[in-house]
N, C-alpha and C. Protein backbone atom coordinates (compact mmCIF):
# COMPACT_ATOMS: atom_id res chain seq x y z
N MET A 1 4.89 -6.06 -16.22
CA MET A 1 4.63 -7.28 -15.48
C MET A 1 4.50 -8.44 -16.44
N SER A 2 5.00 -9.56 -16.03
CA SER A 2 4.85 -10.74 -16.86
C SER A 2 3.45 -11.31 -16.65
N GLY A 3 3.06 -12.21 -17.51
CA GLY A 3 1.75 -12.83 -17.42
C GLY A 3 1.51 -13.51 -16.09
N SER A 4 2.52 -14.18 -15.54
CA SER A 4 2.35 -14.88 -14.28
C SER A 4 2.15 -13.92 -13.12
N GLU A 5 2.74 -12.71 -13.18
CA GLU A 5 2.56 -11.74 -12.12
C GLU A 5 1.16 -11.13 -12.17
N GLN A 6 0.57 -11.07 -13.33
CA GLN A 6 -0.76 -10.51 -13.46
C GLN A 6 -1.84 -11.50 -13.07
N ASP A 7 -1.55 -12.78 -13.11
CA ASP A 7 -2.53 -13.82 -12.83
C ASP A 7 -2.54 -14.18 -11.35
N VAL A 8 -2.74 -13.20 -10.50
CA VAL A 8 -2.77 -13.42 -9.06
C VAL A 8 -4.21 -13.29 -8.59
N CYS A 9 -4.65 -14.24 -7.79
CA CYS A 9 -5.99 -14.19 -7.23
C CYS A 9 -5.88 -14.05 -5.71
N PHE A 10 -6.70 -13.19 -5.14
CA PHE A 10 -6.75 -13.00 -3.70
C PHE A 10 -8.12 -13.41 -3.19
N ASP A 11 -8.15 -14.02 -2.01
CA ASP A 11 -9.44 -14.35 -1.41
C ASP A 11 -10.04 -13.09 -0.80
N GLU A 12 -11.27 -13.22 -0.26
CA GLU A 12 -11.97 -12.05 0.27
C GLU A 12 -11.21 -11.39 1.40
N ALA A 13 -10.61 -12.18 2.28
CA ALA A 13 -9.87 -11.62 3.41
C ALA A 13 -8.65 -10.83 2.94
N ALA A 14 -7.96 -11.35 1.93
CA ALA A 14 -6.79 -10.65 1.39
C ALA A 14 -7.22 -9.35 0.72
N LEU A 15 -8.30 -9.39 -0.05
CA LEU A 15 -8.79 -8.18 -0.71
C LEU A 15 -9.20 -7.12 0.31
N ALA A 16 -9.86 -7.56 1.38
CA ALA A 16 -10.25 -6.61 2.43
C ALA A 16 -9.02 -5.96 3.05
N ALA A 17 -7.98 -6.75 3.31
CA ALA A 17 -6.74 -6.22 3.89
C ALA A 17 -6.08 -5.24 2.94
N ILE A 18 -6.07 -5.55 1.65
CA ILE A 18 -5.47 -4.67 0.64
C ILE A 18 -6.22 -3.33 0.59
N ILE A 19 -7.53 -3.39 0.61
CA ILE A 19 -8.34 -2.17 0.55
C ILE A 19 -8.11 -1.30 1.79
N VAL A 20 -8.12 -1.93 2.96
CA VAL A 20 -7.89 -1.18 4.21
C VAL A 20 -6.51 -0.55 4.19
N ALA A 21 -5.50 -1.33 3.80
CA ALA A 21 -4.12 -0.83 3.76
C ALA A 21 -3.99 0.35 2.80
N TYR A 22 -4.60 0.26 1.64
CA TYR A 22 -4.54 1.34 0.65
C TYR A 22 -5.21 2.60 1.19
N ASP A 23 -6.39 2.43 1.78
CA ASP A 23 -7.09 3.58 2.35
C ASP A 23 -6.27 4.23 3.46
N GLN A 24 -5.66 3.40 4.33
CA GLN A 24 -4.83 3.94 5.41
C GLN A 24 -3.64 4.72 4.84
N ALA A 25 -3.00 4.16 3.85
CA ALA A 25 -1.83 4.81 3.25
C ALA A 25 -2.22 6.15 2.63
N CYS A 26 -3.31 6.18 1.90
CA CYS A 26 -3.75 7.42 1.27
C CYS A 26 -4.14 8.46 2.31
N ARG A 27 -4.83 8.03 3.37
CA ARG A 27 -5.20 8.98 4.44
C ARG A 27 -3.96 9.52 5.15
N SER A 28 -2.97 8.66 5.37
CA SER A 28 -1.78 9.11 6.10
C SER A 28 -0.94 10.08 5.28
N LEU A 29 -1.11 10.07 3.96
CA LEU A 29 -0.36 10.98 3.09
C LEU A 29 -1.22 12.14 2.61
N GLN A 30 -2.34 12.34 3.23
CA GLN A 30 -3.28 13.36 2.82
C GLN A 30 -2.66 14.75 2.74
N THR A 31 -1.72 15.06 3.66
CA THR A 31 -1.12 16.39 3.66
C THR A 31 -0.09 16.55 2.55
N CYS A 32 0.38 15.46 2.00
CA CYS A 32 1.34 15.51 0.91
C CYS A 32 0.58 15.56 -0.42
N SER A 33 1.27 15.93 -1.46
CA SER A 33 0.60 15.91 -2.77
C SER A 33 0.46 14.46 -3.22
N MET A 34 -0.77 14.05 -3.42
CA MET A 34 -1.06 12.68 -3.83
C MET A 34 -1.34 12.66 -5.33
N THR A 35 -0.31 12.54 -6.11
CA THR A 35 -0.49 12.45 -7.55
C THR A 35 -0.97 11.04 -7.90
N PRO A 36 -1.56 10.88 -9.05
CA PRO A 36 -1.96 9.54 -9.46
C PRO A 36 -0.79 8.54 -9.46
N ILE A 37 0.39 9.01 -9.78
CA ILE A 37 1.55 8.12 -9.79
C ILE A 37 1.87 7.62 -8.39
N VAL A 38 1.80 8.51 -7.40
CA VAL A 38 2.05 8.11 -6.01
C VAL A 38 0.99 7.10 -5.57
N ARG A 39 -0.27 7.36 -5.87
CA ARG A 39 -1.33 6.41 -5.50
C ARG A 39 -1.10 5.06 -6.16
N GLU A 40 -0.69 5.07 -7.42
CA GLU A 40 -0.43 3.81 -8.12
C GLU A 40 0.74 3.06 -7.48
N MET A 41 1.80 3.79 -7.14
CA MET A 41 2.96 3.15 -6.52
C MET A 41 2.60 2.55 -5.16
N ILE A 42 1.77 3.23 -4.39
CA ILE A 42 1.31 2.68 -3.11
C ILE A 42 0.55 1.39 -3.35
N GLY A 43 -0.37 1.42 -4.30
CA GLY A 43 -1.15 0.22 -4.62
C GLY A 43 -0.28 -0.94 -5.06
N ILE A 44 0.70 -0.66 -5.91
CA ILE A 44 1.60 -1.71 -6.38
C ILE A 44 2.37 -2.32 -5.23
N ARG A 45 2.88 -1.48 -4.33
CA ARG A 45 3.65 -2.00 -3.18
C ARG A 45 2.78 -2.84 -2.26
N ILE A 46 1.55 -2.42 -2.04
CA ILE A 46 0.65 -3.18 -1.18
C ILE A 46 0.33 -4.53 -1.81
N ILE A 47 0.01 -4.53 -3.09
CA ILE A 47 -0.30 -5.79 -3.78
C ILE A 47 0.92 -6.70 -3.80
N GLU A 48 2.08 -6.13 -4.02
CA GLU A 48 3.30 -6.93 -4.01
C GLU A 48 3.50 -7.62 -2.66
N ALA A 49 3.32 -6.89 -1.58
CA ALA A 49 3.46 -7.50 -0.25
C ALA A 49 2.39 -8.56 -0.01
N ALA A 50 1.16 -8.29 -0.46
CA ALA A 50 0.08 -9.27 -0.32
C ALA A 50 0.36 -10.54 -1.13
N ARG A 51 0.97 -10.37 -2.30
CA ARG A 51 1.33 -11.54 -3.12
C ARG A 51 2.32 -12.44 -2.39
N HIS A 52 3.12 -11.82 -1.50
CA HIS A 52 4.10 -12.59 -0.74
C HIS A 52 3.54 -13.11 0.58
N GLY A 53 2.23 -12.96 0.76
CA GLY A 53 1.56 -13.59 1.89
C GLY A 53 1.17 -12.68 3.05
N GLU A 54 1.56 -11.43 3.01
CA GLU A 54 1.19 -10.53 4.12
C GLU A 54 -0.30 -10.23 4.06
N ARG A 55 -0.97 -10.32 5.20
CA ARG A 55 -2.41 -10.07 5.25
C ARG A 55 -2.81 -9.04 6.30
N ASP A 56 -1.88 -8.55 7.07
CA ASP A 56 -2.18 -7.54 8.08
C ASP A 56 -2.21 -6.17 7.41
N PRO A 57 -3.38 -5.50 7.40
CA PRO A 57 -3.48 -4.22 6.71
C PRO A 57 -2.50 -3.16 7.25
N ASN A 58 -2.24 -3.20 8.55
CA ASN A 58 -1.29 -2.22 9.12
C ASN A 58 0.12 -2.44 8.59
N ILE A 59 0.51 -3.69 8.47
CA ILE A 59 1.84 -4.00 7.95
C ILE A 59 1.91 -3.70 6.46
N LEU A 60 0.86 -4.06 5.71
CA LEU A 60 0.82 -3.75 4.27
C LEU A 60 0.96 -2.25 4.06
N HIS A 61 0.23 -1.48 4.83
CA HIS A 61 0.25 -0.02 4.75
C HIS A 61 1.65 0.51 5.05
N GLN A 62 2.24 0.05 6.15
CA GLN A 62 3.55 0.55 6.54
C GLN A 62 4.63 0.14 5.55
N GLN A 63 4.55 -1.09 5.05
CA GLN A 63 5.55 -1.54 4.06
C GLN A 63 5.48 -0.71 2.78
N ALA A 64 4.28 -0.34 2.37
CA ALA A 64 4.14 0.49 1.16
C ALA A 64 4.77 1.86 1.38
N LEU A 65 4.50 2.46 2.53
CA LEU A 65 5.08 3.77 2.81
C LEU A 65 6.60 3.68 2.95
N ASP A 66 7.07 2.64 3.64
CA ASP A 66 8.51 2.46 3.81
C ASP A 66 9.21 2.30 2.46
N ALA A 67 8.60 1.52 1.56
CA ALA A 67 9.19 1.28 0.25
C ALA A 67 9.32 2.57 -0.56
N LEU A 68 8.45 3.52 -0.28
CA LEU A 68 8.48 4.80 -0.99
C LEU A 68 9.26 5.86 -0.22
N GLY A 69 9.84 5.46 0.92
CA GLY A 69 10.59 6.40 1.74
C GLY A 69 9.70 7.39 2.48
N MET A 70 8.46 6.99 2.71
CA MET A 70 7.50 7.84 3.41
C MET A 70 6.99 7.09 4.63
N THR A 71 7.38 7.51 5.80
CA THR A 71 6.91 6.83 7.01
C THR A 71 5.80 7.65 7.64
N LYS A 72 4.94 6.98 8.41
CA LYS A 72 3.86 7.68 9.10
C LYS A 72 4.44 8.75 10.02
N THR A 73 5.49 8.44 10.74
CA THR A 73 6.09 9.36 11.68
C THR A 73 6.56 10.62 10.96
N ALA A 74 7.25 10.45 9.84
CA ALA A 74 7.76 11.60 9.11
C ALA A 74 6.64 12.50 8.63
N ASN A 75 5.52 11.91 8.21
CA ASN A 75 4.41 12.71 7.72
C ASN A 75 3.69 13.44 8.84
N VAL A 76 3.60 12.83 10.01
CA VAL A 76 2.97 13.48 11.15
C VAL A 76 3.79 14.68 11.57
N ILE A 77 5.09 14.52 11.61
CA ILE A 77 5.99 15.62 11.99
C ILE A 77 5.92 16.74 10.97
N ALA A 78 5.86 16.38 9.70
CA ALA A 78 5.86 17.38 8.63
C ALA A 78 4.54 18.15 8.59
N ALA A 79 3.47 17.54 9.07
CA ALA A 79 2.14 18.16 8.98
C ALA A 79 1.93 19.26 9.93
């Protein structure tokens, strides 16, 4: 990451949305193997979407899973 990408500040509402989205994503993938790399990639995708202005935790969560090719529907069926 470049210096400008690391210098991002989020307000309390954005941080709350990021936390909720991350927790939702991790819970929805509970049946899959959650390696530290997968958790990091989910977090990166959520932060990336939040940097672009998304604040809905459900959308942040779904966008992170979609970006990794993991949808909630696919995981429910697989479980």
